[in-house]
Amino acid sequence: MTTYETILTETVGDHLLIVTLNRPETGNARNTQMGLDLLDLWTGLIDDPGEIRCVILTGAGEKIFCAGGDLKQRKTLTPKQWQHQHEIFERGRDALLECPIPVIAAINGHAYAGGLETVMVCDFAYAVSTARFALTEVTIGIMPGGGGTQTLPRIVGERRAKEIILTGRPFSAQQALDWGILNRVCEPGTLMDQVLETAATICANAPLSVRQAKKSIHHGLQMDLKRGLMFEIEAYNRLVDTDDRREGVLAFNEKRKPVFKGQ
């Protein structure tokens, strides 16, 4: 695994990758280098995930997951440089969306602006109960540009999304759970244990099945129901003639735990 300047990577066992945003002195804010590092990471996982079957994305420290863009760096950027930086962020977001393996956000603290947008691009999210969330862009003269105006309404509905985005007001982890942004709220000190338990469950499942199911959900939601059903059966049929499908059925009949190899 590549060594990065602004993110840490750790492989747990054979199949789990933990990625940590590692600029705690700035609230893990994204600067240009972090954008490049994340783009390289997600692109690499698209190209060849190897034995990795699940990713956990978290932040360094105990207070902030990600504060969004690094406004101290952005203060020095020309409009052209700002837009170029944002294009890097956009490519990273798109690569994360297309990552073939599940990415779980483990939100260790506050997630504001681009930090919250990153959470909403992940497949699902657990957060510590003390975390707060906001899309604050309209309070500094811009607007969400990392997908927030598109992902948030799809998660919470149009009217709630307008309230969140147009006011820029923070909201709690419990509200984020109630509105569907989070899957689980964890008490302090328990977040990573609970995320690791879920990730281990995913890693134990048939990796080709997990990837095909994720792809079917993601792309099917962009279609009407009939086309989505057609896309699903195409994804399903690719699994029928695989060693893992044969192993799964055999293990069920032999009353043992299957050993999946991603083949």
Protein backbone atom coordinates (compact mmCIF):
# COMPACT_ATOMS: atom_id res chain seq x y z
CA MET A 1 0.00 0.00 0.00
CA THR A 2 1.27 3.47 -0.94
CA THR A 3 2.45 5.83 1.81
CA TYR A 4 0.64 9.18 1.64
CA GLU A 5 1.36 12.62 3.04
CA THR A 6 -2.11 13.45 4.37
CA ILE A 7 -3.84 10.11 4.92
CA LEU A 8 -2.90 6.95 6.81
CA THR A 9 -3.66 3.46 5.54
CA GLU A 10 -3.70 0.30 7.62
CA THR A 11 -4.61 -3.20 6.50
CA VAL A 12 -6.34 -5.27 9.18
CA GLY A 13 -6.17 -9.00 8.50
CA ASP A 14 -6.29 -9.94 4.84
CA HIS A 15 -9.35 -8.05 3.68
CA LEU A 16 -9.99 -4.78 5.57
CA LEU A 17 -8.42 -1.39 4.85
CA ILE A 18 -8.67 1.48 7.35
CA VAL A 19 -8.10 4.94 5.83
CA THR A 20 -7.57 7.86 8.21
CA LEU A 21 -7.70 11.51 7.20
CA ASN A 22 -4.55 12.72 8.92
CA ARG A 23 -4.37 16.50 9.25
CA PRO A 24 -5.63 16.83 12.85
CA GLU A 25 -3.98 20.22 13.29
CA THR A 26 -6.44 21.61 10.70
CA GLY A 27 -9.47 19.55 11.69
CA ASN A 28 -8.55 17.09 8.92
CA ALA A 29 -9.47 19.79 6.42
CA ARG A 30 -8.87 18.93 2.78
CA ASN A 31 -6.04 20.74 1.08
CA THR A 32 -4.81 20.10 -2.45
CA GLN A 33 -2.46 17.34 -1.32
CA MET A 34 -5.22 15.49 0.52
CA GLY A 35 -7.33 15.74 -2.61
CA LEU A 36 -4.52 14.18 -4.65
CA ASP A 37 -3.88 11.50 -2.03
CA LEU A 38 -7.53 10.46 -1.86
CA LEU A 39 -7.85 10.50 -5.64
CA ASP A 40 -4.87 8.16 -5.92
CA LEU A 41 -6.25 5.87 -3.21
CA TRP A 42 -9.75 5.50 -4.62
CA THR A 43 -8.50 5.20 -8.21
CA GLY A 44 -6.12 2.46 -7.12
CA LEU A 45 -8.94 0.52 -5.48
CA ILE A 46 -11.01 0.81 -8.66
CA ASP A 47 -8.09 -0.42 -10.74
CA ASP A 48 -7.20 -3.35 -8.46
CA PRO A 49 -8.64 -3.84 -4.97
CA GLY A 50 -6.59 -7.01 -4.57
CA GLU A 51 -7.67 -8.84 -1.42
CA ILE A 52 -9.40 -5.81 0.11
CA ARG A 53 -13.11 -6.44 0.64
CA CYS A 54 -14.13 -3.44 2.75
CA VAL A 55 -12.81 0.05 3.61
CA ILE A 56 -13.34 2.10 6.77
CA LEU A 57 -12.85 5.86 6.34
CA THR A 58 -12.26 7.85 9.53
CA GLY A 59 -10.44 10.92 10.82
CA ALA A 60 -7.47 11.46 13.11
CA GLY A 61 -8.23 12.72 16.60
CA GLU A 62 -11.37 12.60 18.72
CA LYS A 63 -13.18 15.82 17.83
CA ILE A 64 -13.33 16.31 14.05
CA PHE A 65 -13.85 13.86 11.21
CA CYS A 66 -13.33 16.51 8.52
CA ALA A 67 -13.91 20.26 8.60
CA GLY A 68 -14.27 20.52 4.83
CA GLY A 69 -11.93 22.46 2.58
CA ASP A 70 -8.81 24.07 4.06
CA LEU A 71 -9.83 27.74 4.05
CA LYS A 72 -6.37 28.90 5.16
CA GLN A 73 -4.91 27.45 1.98
CA ARG A 74 -7.85 28.64 -0.08
CA LYS A 75 -7.32 32.21 1.13
CA THR A 76 -4.16 32.27 -1.00
CA LEU A 77 -5.69 30.77 -4.16
CA THR A 78 -6.67 32.67 -7.28
CA PRO A 79 -10.12 31.85 -8.71
CA LYS A 80 -8.43 29.68 -11.34
CA GLN A 81 -6.39 27.82 -8.70
CA TRP A 82 -9.52 27.39 -6.54
CA GLN A 83 -11.40 25.82 -9.43
CA HIS A 84 -8.47 23.56 -10.29
CA GLN A 85 -8.28 22.36 -6.69
CA HIS A 86 -11.99 21.71 -6.70
CA GLU A 87 -11.69 19.65 -9.88
CA ILE A 88 -9.26 17.40 -7.99
CA PHE A 89 -11.82 17.06 -5.20
CA GLU A 90 -14.53 16.26 -7.76
CA ARG A 91 -12.47 13.52 -9.36
CA GLY A 92 -11.81 12.04 -5.93
CA ARG A 93 -15.52 12.12 -5.10
CA ASP A 94 -16.39 10.39 -8.36
CA ALA A 95 -13.72 7.74 -7.76
CA LEU A 96 -15.11 7.11 -4.27
CA LEU A 97 -18.58 6.73 -5.77
CA GLU A 98 -17.26 4.17 -8.24
CA CYS A 99 -15.17 2.23 -5.72
CA PRO A 100 -16.23 -1.39 -6.23
CA ILE A 101 -15.92 -2.38 -2.57
CA PRO A 102 -17.98 -1.05 0.35
CA VAL A 103 -16.72 2.08 2.12
CA ILE A 104 -18.02 2.70 5.65
CA ALA A 105 -17.60 6.16 7.17
CA ALA A 106 -16.59 5.98 10.86
CA ILE A 107 -17.31 9.54 11.92
CA ASN A 108 -15.15 10.22 14.97
CA GLY A 109 -16.20 13.88 15.32
CA HIS A 110 -17.72 16.83 13.53
CA ALA A 111 -18.28 16.59 9.77
CA TYR A 112 -18.84 19.98 8.14
CA ALA A 113 -19.14 21.12 4.52
CA GLY A 114 -17.00 18.86 2.35
CA GLY A 115 -16.58 16.53 5.31
CA LEU A 116 -20.31 15.86 5.40
CA GLU A 117 -20.40 15.59 1.61
CA THR A 118 -17.76 12.86 1.84
CA VAL A 119 -19.86 11.02 4.42
CA MET A 120 -22.83 11.04 2.07
CA VAL A 121 -20.78 9.58 -0.79
CA CYS A 122 -19.69 6.63 1.36
CA ASP A 123 -21.92 3.56 1.30
CA PHE A 124 -23.12 4.05 4.86
CA ALA A 125 -21.98 5.68 8.09
CA TYR A 126 -21.67 5.23 11.85
CA ALA A 127 -20.87 8.23 14.05
CA VAL A 128 -19.97 9.01 17.62
CA SER A 129 -22.89 10.56 19.50
CA THR A 130 -21.02 13.84 20.10
CA ALA A 131 -20.50 14.52 16.37
CA ARG A 132 -22.23 17.45 14.72
CA PHE A 133 -22.92 17.99 11.05
CA ALA A 134 -23.52 20.93 8.73
CA LEU A 135 -23.28 22.16 5.17
CA THR A 136 -21.99 25.65 5.92
CA GLU A 137 -21.03 26.81 2.43
CA VAL A 138 -23.69 29.52 2.07
CA THR A 139 -22.33 31.20 5.20
CA ILE A 140 -19.01 31.96 3.44
CA GLY A 141 -20.28 32.93 -0.01
CA ILE A 142 -20.22 29.63 -1.88
CA MET A 143 -22.54 26.60 -2.02
CA PRO A 144 -22.10 22.86 -1.65
CA GLY A 145 -20.04 21.67 -4.60
CA GLY A 146 -18.91 18.23 -3.50
CA GLY A 147 -22.26 16.65 -4.27
CA GLY A 148 -24.23 17.98 -1.29
CA THR A 149 -27.11 19.48 -3.28
CA GLN A 150 -27.58 16.11 -4.98
CA THR A 151 -26.79 13.49 -2.34
CA LEU A 152 -28.53 15.17 0.60
CA PRO A 153 -32.00 15.50 -1.02
CA ARG A 154 -31.77 11.86 -2.10
CA ILE A 155 -31.16 10.88 1.52
CA VAL A 156 -33.36 13.24 3.54
CA GLY A 157 -35.84 14.57 0.96
CA GLU A 158 -36.04 17.92 -0.80
CA ARG A 159 -37.61 20.02 1.93
CA ARG A 160 -35.27 18.91 4.71
CA ALA A 161 -32.26 19.30 2.40
CA LYS A 162 -33.26 22.87 1.57
CA GLU A 163 -33.51 23.73 5.25
CA ILE A 164 -30.08 22.24 6.00
CA ILE A 165 -28.31 23.80 3.01
CA LEU A 166 -29.99 27.22 2.93
CA THR A 167 -29.55 27.89 6.66
CA GLY A 168 -26.10 26.33 7.09
CA ARG A 169 -27.11 25.40 10.64
CA PRO A 170 -25.43 22.48 12.42
CA PHE A 171 -27.42 19.45 13.52
CA SER A 172 -26.77 16.58 15.91
CA ALA A 173 -25.81 12.95 15.38
CA GLN A 174 -29.26 11.92 16.59
CA GLN A 175 -30.90 14.15 13.99
CA ALA A 176 -28.57 12.76 11.33
CA LEU A 177 -29.68 9.26 12.36
CA ASP A 178 -33.36 10.20 12.36
CA TRP A 179 -33.05 11.75 8.88
CA GLY A 180 -31.22 8.78 7.36
CA ILE A 181 -27.74 10.29 7.02
CA LEU A 182 -26.36 7.88 9.63
CA ASN A 183 -27.00 4.18 10.10
CA ARG A 184 -25.93 4.07 13.74
CA VAL A 185 -24.94 6.43 16.57
CA CYS A 186 -22.29 5.06 18.92
CA GLU A 187 -21.34 6.12 22.41
CA PRO A 188 -17.84 7.60 22.83
CA GLY A 189 -15.19 4.91 22.90
CA THR A 190 -17.30 2.33 21.06
CA LEU A 191 -17.34 3.67 17.49
CA MET A 192 -14.47 1.72 15.97
CA ASP A 193 -15.42 -1.53 17.69
CA GLN A 194 -18.90 -1.33 16.18
CA VAL A 195 -17.63 -0.34 12.73
CA LEU A 196 -15.02 -3.10 12.79
CA GLU A 197 -17.68 -5.65 13.68
CA THR A 198 -19.80 -4.64 10.69
CA ALA A 199 -16.78 -4.51 8.38
CA ALA A 200 -15.73 -8.00 9.48
CA THR A 201 -19.20 -9.29 8.61
CA ILE A 202 -18.90 -7.81 5.12
CA CYS A 203 -15.38 -9.18 4.68
CA ALA A 204 -16.64 -12.68 5.53
CA ASN A 205 -19.26 -12.59 2.77
CA ALA A 206 -18.62 -13.54 -0.85
CA PRO A 207 -16.62 -10.58 -2.24
CA LEU A 208 -17.93 -10.85 -5.81
CA SER A 209 -21.49 -10.95 -4.47
CA VAL A 210 -20.90 -7.86 -2.33
CA ARG A 211 -19.41 -5.93 -5.27
CA GLN A 212 -22.20 -6.89 -7.66
CA ALA A 213 -24.90 -6.05 -5.10
CA LYS A 214 -23.31 -2.65 -4.41
CA LYS A 215 -23.09 -1.92 -8.13
CA SER A 216 -26.71 -2.96 -8.66
CA ILE A 217 -27.99 -0.70 -5.88
CA HIS A 218 -25.88 2.29 -6.92
CA HIS A 219 -26.62 2.21 -10.64
CA GLY A 220 -30.15 0.86 -10.33
CA LEU A 221 -31.21 3.92 -8.35
CA GLN A 222 -30.32 6.06 -11.36
CA MET A 223 -32.86 4.14 -13.49
CA ASP A 224 -36.58 3.58 -13.51
CA LEU A 225 -37.74 0.36 -11.82
CA LYS A 226 -38.01 -1.77 -14.96
CA ARG A 227 -34.49 -0.92 -16.12
CA GLY A 228 -33.20 -1.32 -12.59
CA LEU A 229 -34.62 -4.83 -12.42
CA MET A 230 -32.97 -5.66 -15.73
CA PHE A 231 -29.64 -4.31 -14.45
CA GLU A 232 -30.02 -6.37 -11.28
CA ILE A 233 -30.51 -9.69 -13.11
CA GLU A 234 -27.48 -8.98 -15.30
CA ALA A 235 -25.42 -8.44 -12.15
CA TYR A 236 -26.95 -11.57 -10.59
CA ASN A 237 -26.24 -13.80 -13.58
CA ARG A 238 -22.54 -12.93 -13.47
CA LEU A 239 -22.37 -14.73 -10.10
CA VAL A 240 -23.95 -18.02 -11.13
CA ASP A 241 -20.86 -19.51 -12.77
CA THR A 242 -18.36 -18.59 -10.03
CA ASP A 243 -16.37 -20.74 -7.64
CA ASP A 244 -17.70 -18.71 -4.72
CA ARG A 245 -21.31 -19.47 -5.66
CA ARG A 246 -20.50 -23.18 -5.84
CA GLU A 247 -18.61 -22.99 -2.53
CA GLY A 248 -21.47 -21.13 -0.84
CA VAL A 249 -24.08 -23.71 -1.81
CA LEU A 250 -21.76 -26.62 -0.97
CA ALA A 251 -20.92 -25.14 2.44
CA PHE A 252 -24.62 -24.64 3.18
CA ASN A 253 -25.36 -28.30 2.39
CA GLU A 254 -22.34 -29.49 4.35
CA LYS A 255 -23.34 -27.28 7.29
CA ARG A 256 -20.01 -25.45 7.49
CA LYS A 257 -18.74 -21.90 7.05
CA PRO A 258 -17.89 -21.12 3.41
CA VAL A 259 -14.40 -20.14 2.36
CA PHE A 260 -14.74 -17.47 -0.32
CA LYS A 261 -11.83 -16.61 -2.60
CA GLY A 262 -13.32 -13.96 -4.85
CA GLN A 263 -13.36 -16.24 -7.86
